[in-house]
N, C-alpha and C. Protein backbone atom coordinates (compact mmCIF):
# COMPACT_ATOMS: atom_id res chain seq x y z
N UNK A 1 0.91 -1.39 -0.06
CA UNK A 1 -0.06 0.31 0.03
C UNK A 1 0.78 1.48 -0.08
N UNK A 2 0.57 2.16 -0.82
CA UNK A 2 1.41 3.41 -0.78
C UNK A 2 0.95 4.24 0.36
N UNK A 3 2.28 5.06 0.68
CA UNK A 3 2.28 5.77 1.78
C UNK A 3 0.69 6.97 1.38
N UNK A 4 0.15 7.00 2.38
CA UNK A 4 -0.76 7.97 2.29
C UNK A 4 -1.11 8.82 3.65
N UNK A 5 -1.07 10.22 3.20
CA UNK A 5 -1.46 10.90 4.37
C UNK A 5 -3.24 11.13 4.77
N UNK A 6 -3.31 10.81 6.12
CA UNK A 6 -4.38 11.16 6.48
C UNK A 6 -4.72 12.24 6.58
N UNK A 7 -6.37 13.14 6.33
CA UNK A 7 -6.85 14.14 6.79
C UNK A 7 -6.77 14.13 8.30
N UNK A 8 -6.46 15.10 8.99
CA UNK A 8 -6.65 15.11 10.21
C UNK A 8 -6.59 16.40 10.88
N UNK A 9 -7.83 16.36 11.59
CA UNK A 9 -8.37 17.92 12.41
C UNK A 9 -8.10 17.58 14.19
N UNK A 10 -7.51 18.68 14.55
CA UNK A 10 -7.21 18.87 15.65
C UNK A 10 -7.00 20.06 16.11
N UNK A 11 -7.35 20.50 17.43
CA UNK A 11 -7.07 22.16 17.77
C UNK A 11 -5.91 22.59 17.82
N UNK A 12 -5.57 23.62 17.68
CA UNK A 12 -4.69 24.07 17.45
C UNK A 12 -3.53 24.64 18.68
N UNK A 13 -4.63 24.33 19.47
CA UNK A 13 -3.82 24.67 21.45
C UNK A 13 -4.75 23.42 22.05
N UNK A 14 -4.06 23.18 23.11
CA UNK A 14 -4.47 22.32 24.47
C UNK A 14 -3.93 22.14 25.07
N UNK A 15 -4.30 22.56 26.21
CA UNK A 15 -3.69 22.12 27.61
C UNK A 15 -3.59 21.01 28.18
N UNK A 16 -2.45 20.84 29.08
CA UNK A 16 -3.01 19.51 30.03
C UNK A 16 -3.97 19.93 30.97
N UNK A 17 -4.76 18.67 30.74
CA UNK A 17 -6.25 18.28 30.88
C UNK A 17 -7.28 18.56 30.31
N UNK A 18 -7.00 19.14 29.28
CA UNK A 18 -7.87 19.69 27.87
C UNK A 18 -8.48 18.48 27.34
N UNK A 19 -9.89 17.99 27.17
CA UNK A 19 -10.24 17.10 26.04
C UNK A 19 -10.50 17.88 25.09
N UNK A 20 -9.60 16.77 24.04
CA UNK A 20 -10.04 17.17 22.60
C UNK A 20 -10.44 16.32 21.94
N UNK A 21 -10.77 17.10 20.77
CA UNK A 21 -11.67 16.29 19.64
C UNK A 21 -10.45 15.88 18.31
N UNK A 22 -10.56 14.94 18.52
CA UNK A 22 -9.69 14.28 17.00
C UNK A 22 -10.63 13.88 15.82
N UNK A 23 -10.29 14.58 14.57
CA UNK A 23 -11.01 13.48 13.68
C UNK A 23 -10.21 13.16 12.37
N UNK A 24 -10.09 12.34 11.75
CA UNK A 24 -9.24 11.65 10.41
C UNK A 24 -10.11 11.30 9.60
N UNK A 25 -9.66 11.40 8.45
CA UNK A 25 -10.30 10.73 7.19
C UNK A 25 -9.07 9.85 6.48
N UNK A 26 -9.42 8.74 6.43
CA UNK A 26 -8.17 7.62 5.85
C UNK A 26 -8.42 7.68 4.37
N UNK A 27 -7.63 7.78 3.79
CA UNK A 27 -7.58 7.29 2.29
C UNK A 27 -7.23 6.09 1.89
N UNK A 28 -8.58 4.88 1.76
CA UNK A 28 -8.46 3.79 1.68
C UNK A 28 -9.75 3.19 0.46
N UNK A 29 -9.44 2.41 -0.28
CA UNK A 29 -10.39 1.98 -1.34
C UNK A 29 -11.84 1.34 -0.49
N UNK A 30 -11.16 0.44 0.49
CA UNK A 30 -11.93 -0.64 1.21
C UNK A 30 -12.74 -1.25 0.51
N UNK A 31 -12.00 -2.32 -0.52
CA UNK A 31 -13.18 -2.99 -1.10
C UNK A 31 -13.42 -4.29 -0.82
N UNK A 32 -14.21 -4.42 -1.18
CA UNK A 32 -15.05 -5.80 0.17
C UNK A 32 -14.73 -7.19 -0.21
N UNK A 33 -14.30 -7.52 -1.55
CA UNK A 33 -14.44 -8.52 -2.28
C UNK A 33 -15.50 -9.24 -2.81
N UNK A 34 -16.72 -8.29 -2.60
CA UNK A 34 -17.98 -9.08 -3.00
C UNK A 34 -18.45 -8.63 -4.91
N UNK A 35 -17.76 -7.47 -4.97
CA UNK A 35 -17.79 -6.66 -6.44
C UNK A 35 -16.99 -7.59 -7.47
N UNK A 36 -17.86 -7.71 -8.55
CA UNK A 36 -17.08 -7.84 -9.76
C UNK A 36 -16.35 -7.14 -10.52
N UNK A 37 -15.34 -7.02 -11.38
CA UNK A 37 -14.68 -6.63 -11.78
C UNK A 37 -15.73 -6.44 -13.39
N UNK A 38 -16.30 -5.19 -14.09
CA UNK A 38 -16.88 -5.11 -15.44
C UNK A 38 -16.68 -5.51 -16.45
N UNK A 39 -15.29 -5.70 -16.62
CA UNK A 39 -14.53 -6.13 -17.93
C UNK A 39 -14.51 -7.71 -18.13
N UNK A 40 -13.71 -8.22 -16.69
CA UNK A 40 -13.56 -9.48 -16.89
C UNK A 40 -14.79 -10.42 -16.34
N UNK A 41 -15.70 -9.78 -15.28
CA UNK A 41 -16.44 -10.51 -14.42
C UNK A 41 -15.80 -11.43 -13.42
N UNK A 42 -14.47 -11.18 -12.93
CA UNK A 42 -13.70 -11.86 -11.97
C UNK A 42 -14.45 -11.05 -10.69
N UNK A 43 -14.23 -11.80 -9.63
CA UNK A 43 -14.38 -10.71 -7.91
C UNK A 43 -13.13 -9.92 -8.00
N UNK A 44 -13.50 -8.78 -7.70
CA UNK A 44 -12.22 -7.99 -7.18
C UNK A 44 -11.62 -8.31 -5.74
N UNK A 45 -10.27 -8.57 -5.46
CA UNK A 45 -10.18 -9.25 -4.19
C UNK A 45 -10.37 -8.32 -2.97
N UNK A 46 -10.65 -9.20 -1.93
CA UNK A 46 -10.99 -8.15 -0.56
C UNK A 46 -9.72 -7.10 -0.18
N UNK A 47 -9.69 -5.81 0.27
CA UNK A 47 -8.60 -5.08 0.36
C UNK A 47 -9.47 -4.17 1.47
N UNK A 48 -9.31 -4.38 2.54
CA UNK A 48 -9.89 -3.41 4.00
C UNK A 48 -8.90 -3.20 5.07
N UNK A 49 -9.53 -2.24 5.25
CA UNK A 49 -8.53 -1.85 6.42
C UNK A 49 -9.21 -2.72 8.02
N UNK A 50 -8.29 -3.58 8.42
CA UNK A 50 -9.20 -4.40 9.74
C UNK A 50 -8.60 -3.55 11.05
N UNK A 51 -7.62 -2.76 11.24
CA UNK A 51 -7.77 -1.85 12.35
C UNK A 51 -6.87 -1.14 12.39
N UNK A 52 -7.17 0.16 13.61
CA UNK A 52 -6.86 1.39 13.48
C UNK A 52 -6.38 1.49 14.86
N UNK A 53 -5.59 2.32 14.80
CA UNK A 53 -4.99 2.57 16.45
C UNK A 53 -4.54 3.81 16.64
N UNK A 54 -4.99 4.69 17.63
CA UNK A 54 -4.09 5.86 17.81
C UNK A 54 -3.46 6.09 19.15
N UNK A 55 -2.05 6.10 19.18
CA UNK A 55 -1.35 6.60 20.36
C UNK A 55 -0.89 8.16 20.63
N UNK A 56 -0.84 8.14 21.79
CA UNK A 56 -0.30 9.82 22.42
C UNK A 56 1.02 9.38 23.41
N UNK A 57 2.11 10.13 22.56
CA UNK A 57 3.28 9.67 23.15
C UNK A 57 4.05 7.88 23.49
N UNK A 58 2.95 7.42 22.46
CA UNK A 58 3.63 6.03 22.50
C UNK A 58 2.42 5.14 23.08
N UNK A 59 1.53 5.63 23.84
CA UNK A 59 0.51 4.73 24.72
C UNK A 59 -0.87 5.03 23.52
N UNK A 60 -1.37 3.89 23.87
CA UNK A 60 -2.36 3.60 22.86
C UNK A 60 -3.37 4.12 23.56
N UNK A 61 -4.54 4.99 23.08
CA UNK A 61 -5.44 5.44 23.51
C UNK A 61 -6.72 4.93 23.11
N UNK A 62 -6.75 4.85 21.72
CA UNK A 62 -8.04 4.57 20.56
C UNK A 62 -7.42 3.51 20.05
N UNK A 63 -8.45 2.59 19.77
CA UNK A 63 -8.08 1.24 18.54
C UNK A 63 -9.63 0.99 18.35
N UNK A 64 -9.92 0.64 17.46
CA UNK A 64 -10.95 0.15 16.49
C UNK A 64 -10.52 -1.17 15.36
N UNK A 65 -11.60 -2.46 15.71
CA UNK A 65 -11.67 -3.29 14.80
C UNK A 65 -12.35 -2.95 13.65
N UNK A 66 -12.01 -2.97 12.29
CA UNK A 66 -13.08 -2.63 11.04
C UNK A 66 -13.27 -3.96 10.60
N UNK A 67 -14.69 -4.16 10.05
CA UNK A 67 -15.31 -4.68 8.94
C UNK A 67 -15.51 -4.60 7.97
N UNK A 68 -15.61 -5.31 7.14
CA UNK A 68 -16.45 -5.10 5.69
C UNK A 68 -16.61 -4.23 5.10
N UNK A 69 -18.14 -3.87 6.44
CA UNK A 69 -19.00 -3.02 5.80
C UNK A 69 -18.75 -1.43 5.74
N UNK A 70 -17.99 -0.86 6.66
CA UNK A 70 -16.89 0.23 6.44
C UNK A 70 -17.13 0.65 4.89
N UNK A 71 -17.36 2.05 4.64
CA UNK A 71 -17.19 2.58 3.58
C UNK A 71 -15.67 2.97 3.28
N UNK A 72 -15.60 3.26 1.95
CA UNK A 72 -14.22 3.48 1.16
C UNK A 72 -13.54 4.47 1.94
N UNK A 73 -12.79 4.87 2.33
CA UNK A 73 -12.02 6.38 3.03
C UNK A 73 -12.69 6.59 4.40
N UNK A 74 -12.47 5.71 5.33
CA UNK A 74 -13.35 5.99 6.91
C UNK A 74 -12.70 6.72 7.42
N UNK A 75 -14.12 7.43 8.03
CA UNK A 75 -13.70 8.64 9.07
C UNK A 75 -13.87 8.30 10.09
N UNK A 76 -12.70 8.48 11.13
CA UNK A 76 -13.03 8.40 12.69
C UNK A 76 -12.52 9.48 13.35
N UNK A 77 -13.62 9.69 14.68
CA UNK A 77 -13.37 10.87 15.38
C UNK A 77 -13.47 10.31 17.00
N UNK A 78 -12.68 10.59 17.56
CA UNK A 78 -12.83 9.86 19.12
C UNK A 78 -11.85 11.95 19.83
N UNK A 79 -12.01 11.41 21.44
CA UNK A 79 -11.69 12.50 22.08
C UNK A 79 -10.54 11.58 22.51
N UNK A 80 -9.75 12.54 23.58
CA UNK A 80 -8.35 12.54 24.26
C UNK A 80 -8.10 13.48 25.40
N UNK A 81 -8.05 13.05 26.61
CA UNK A 81 -7.76 14.21 27.87
C UNK A 81 -6.13 14.21 27.40
N UNK A 82 -5.80 15.41 27.09
CA UNK A 82 -4.22 15.66 27.18
C UNK A 82 -3.55 15.80 28.34
N UNK A 83 -2.69 14.76 28.38
CA UNK A 83 -2.02 14.66 29.80
C UNK A 83 -0.57 15.60 29.67
N UNK A 84 -0.41 15.94 28.44
CA UNK A 84 1.07 16.81 28.11
C UNK A 84 1.18 16.92 26.96
N UNK A 85 2.35 17.94 26.72
CA UNK A 85 2.31 18.23 25.20
C UNK A 85 3.03 16.84 24.69
N UNK A 86 2.63 16.45 23.05
CA UNK A 86 3.42 15.21 22.81
C UNK A 86 2.96 15.31 21.56
N UNK A 87 2.91 13.78 21.01
CA UNK A 87 2.61 13.62 19.55
C UNK A 87 1.73 12.29 19.35
N UNK A 88 0.68 12.77 18.60
CA UNK A 88 -0.21 11.55 18.36
C UNK A 88 -0.27 11.08 17.29
N UNK A 89 -0.03 9.64 17.20
CA UNK A 89 0.27 8.83 15.67
C UNK A 89 -0.66 7.47 15.52
N UNK A 90 -1.42 7.71 14.26
CA UNK A 90 -2.09 6.89 14.32
C UNK A 90 -1.67 5.52 12.91
N UNK A 91 -2.19 4.56 13.35
CA UNK A 91 -1.57 3.15 12.48
C UNK A 91 -2.79 2.32 11.92
N UNK A 92 -2.76 2.00 10.96
CA UNK A 92 -3.87 1.62 10.39
C UNK A 92 -3.15 -0.01 9.44
N UNK A 93 -3.55 -0.95 9.60
CA UNK A 93 -3.34 -2.14 8.99
C UNK A 93 -4.50 -2.49 8.17
N UNK A 94 -3.86 -3.37 6.51
CA UNK A 94 -5.00 -3.71 6.21
C UNK A 94 -4.96 -5.18 5.71
N UNK A 95 -5.77 -5.90 4.63
CA UNK A 95 -5.34 -7.59 4.35
C UNK A 95 -3.96 -8.00 4.46
N UNK A 96 -3.46 -7.03 3.15
CA UNK A 96 -2.22 -7.35 2.72
C UNK A 96 -1.06 -7.45 4.12
N UNK A 97 -1.72 -7.03 5.32
CA UNK A 97 -0.41 -6.32 6.10
C UNK A 97 -0.08 -4.94 5.94
N UNK A 98 -0.16 -4.61 5.16
CA UNK A 98 0.35 -3.12 5.23
C UNK A 98 -0.03 -2.37 5.92
N UNK A 99 0.80 -1.61 6.51
CA UNK A 99 0.72 -0.55 7.66
C UNK A 99 1.03 1.21 7.28
């Protein structure tokens, strides 16, 4: 899977103890494996994101297992109580094991 930069929206500033809402849109086709190629009639192989995690300074604070029924380019929204200054990291894994 090619490196794709997700669209992320977070507050510009947050102080320790603040609860912030984080929103992200992940660019991914989310192919269910149930559609057929219109030209060949063959099934298009399944390729979905199976899991999504969010970490703050290396500590996981949000995770989701994702099923085939999720649309292409899934949107995630969750909250974080900010303990200190730091970095939020998103990780998602698809059927091919791409991270």
